[in-house]
Protein backbone atom coordinates (compact mmCIF):
# COMPACT_ATOMS: atom_id res chain seq x y z
CA UNK A 1 96.88 76.18 96.80
CA UNK A 2 95.67 78.46 94.01
CA UNK A 3 94.56 81.48 96.03
CA UNK A 4 93.33 83.39 92.99
CA UNK A 5 91.08 80.49 92.04
CA UNK A 6 89.71 80.20 95.59
CA UNK A 7 88.73 83.87 95.45
CA UNK A 8 87.15 83.52 92.01
CA UNK A 9 85.20 80.52 93.30
CA UNK A 10 84.00 82.53 96.32
CA UNK A 11 82.64 85.30 94.09
CA UNK A 12 81.03 82.72 91.83
CA UNK A 13 79.34 81.08 94.85
CA UNK A 14 78.09 84.47 96.10
CA UNK A 15 76.77 85.38 92.66
CA UNK A 16 74.95 82.04 92.34
CA UNK A 17 73.74 82.01 95.98
CA UNK A 18 75.47 78.63 96.29
CA UNK A 19 75.78 78.12 100.05
CA UNK A 20 77.18 74.59 99.64
CA UNK A 21 80.03 75.89 97.50
CA UNK A 22 80.99 78.73 99.84
CA UNK A 23 80.82 76.46 102.90
CA UNK A 24 83.76 74.45 101.52
CA UNK A 25 85.80 77.56 100.71
CA UNK A 26 85.70 79.22 104.13
CA UNK A 27 87.84 78.07 107.05
CA UNK A 28 86.09 77.26 110.31
CA UNK A 29 87.87 80.24 111.91
CA UNK A 30 86.88 82.59 109.04
CA UNK A 31 86.57 86.28 109.98
CA UNK A 32 84.82 88.99 107.97
CA UNK A 33 85.71 92.67 108.24
CA UNK A 34 83.86 95.71 106.92
CA UNK A 35 83.06 99.11 108.41
CA UNK A 36 79.69 97.96 109.86
CA UNK A 37 80.93 94.44 110.72
CA UNK A 38 84.52 94.59 112.03
CA UNK A 39 85.67 91.04 112.68
CA UNK A 40 82.49 88.99 112.68
CA UNK A 41 82.89 85.23 112.71
CA UNK A 42 81.77 82.68 110.13
CA UNK A 43 78.26 82.37 111.61
CA UNK A 44 77.93 86.15 111.66
CA UNK A 45 78.99 86.31 108.02
CA UNK A 46 76.24 83.90 107.02
CA UNK A 47 73.71 85.79 109.14
CA UNK A 48 74.63 89.35 108.05
CA UNK A 49 76.17 89.04 104.59
CA UNK A 50 74.94 85.86 102.93
CA UNK A 51 71.32 87.07 102.60
CA UNK A 52 72.65 89.38 99.85
CA UNK A 53 73.98 86.42 97.84
CA UNK A 54 72.40 86.01 94.45
CA UNK A 55 71.86 89.76 94.09
CA UNK A 56 74.81 90.33 91.76
CA UNK A 57 74.53 89.51 88.09
CA UNK A 58 78.21 90.02 87.29
CA UNK A 59 81.59 90.78 88.88
CA UNK A 60 84.22 92.41 86.67
CA UNK A 61 87.68 92.22 88.25
CA UNK A 62 89.77 95.36 87.84
CA UNK A 63 92.51 93.98 90.12
CA UNK A 64 93.03 90.38 91.16
CA UNK A 65 96.53 89.88 92.50
CA UNK A 66 98.29 87.75 95.07
CA UNK A 67 100.53 89.88 97.28
CA UNK A 68 102.53 88.39 100.17
CA UNK A 69 100.14 85.46 100.60
CA UNK A 70 96.95 87.54 100.44
CA UNK A 71 94.73 88.32 97.47
CA UNK A 72 93.80 91.91 96.63
CA UNK A 73 90.64 92.38 94.59
CA UNK A 74 89.01 95.46 93.13
CA UNK A 75 85.84 94.81 91.19
CA UNK A 76 82.92 96.50 89.56
CA UNK A 77 79.70 94.62 90.12
CA UNK A 78 76.37 94.79 88.37
CA UNK A 79 73.36 94.03 90.53
CA UNK A 80 70.39 92.12 89.17
CA UNK A 81 68.47 95.42 88.87
CA UNK A 82 71.23 96.84 86.61
CA UNK A 83 72.76 99.23 89.16
CA UNK A 84 76.52 99.05 89.60
CA UNK A 85 79.08 99.51 92.37
CA UNK A 86 82.82 99.18 93.00
CA UNK A 87 84.61 97.67 96.02
CA UNK A 88 88.10 96.59 97.04
CA UNK A 89 88.64 93.49 99.18
CA UNK A 90 91.57 91.65 100.74
CA UNK A 91 91.45 87.89 101.37
CA UNK A 92 93.61 85.95 103.81
CA UNK A 93 94.13 82.18 103.77
CA UNK A 94 94.63 79.16 105.97
CA UNK A 95 97.39 77.52 103.94
CA UNK A 96 97.17 74.23 105.80
CA UNK A 97 93.42 73.85 105.16
CA UNK A 98 93.55 75.45 101.69
CA UNK A 99 90.65 77.74 102.58
CA UNK A 100 89.84 81.43 102.94
CA UNK A 101 90.45 82.57 106.51
CA UNK A 102 89.53 86.24 106.26
CA UNK A 103 87.86 88.80 104.04
CA UNK A 104 88.22 92.56 104.42
CA UNK A 105 85.73 94.66 102.46
CA UNK A 106 86.39 98.32 101.66
CA UNK A 107 83.22 99.77 100.22
CA UNK A 108 83.65 101.74 97.07
CA UNK A 109 80.92 103.71 95.48
CA UNK A 110 77.86 103.40 93.31
CA UNK A 111 78.77 103.75 89.66
CA UNK A 112 75.39 104.96 88.42
């Protein structure tokens, strides 16, 4: 399993608002963690987070590294309106299924 490619594909799906693509990347037991949403399930992710899909014009990866079976990502993103922000995220995986099993989002800051 190429974990780095799975993560790149997930960002690409989010950027393109491609629900079909992301559906195949996330494990059935997927969990999403962020300060306002600590440990929501897959359905909760699609309800709370997916409505923001398609709102980012570009992700620029500052860090994209596999560490002990997880992927650490820091990126700067440009929204469709030109504003920018920076976040760090950690992805976990279901090795047997070859899918993303968790995503932890640590909000950064606005860059503008």
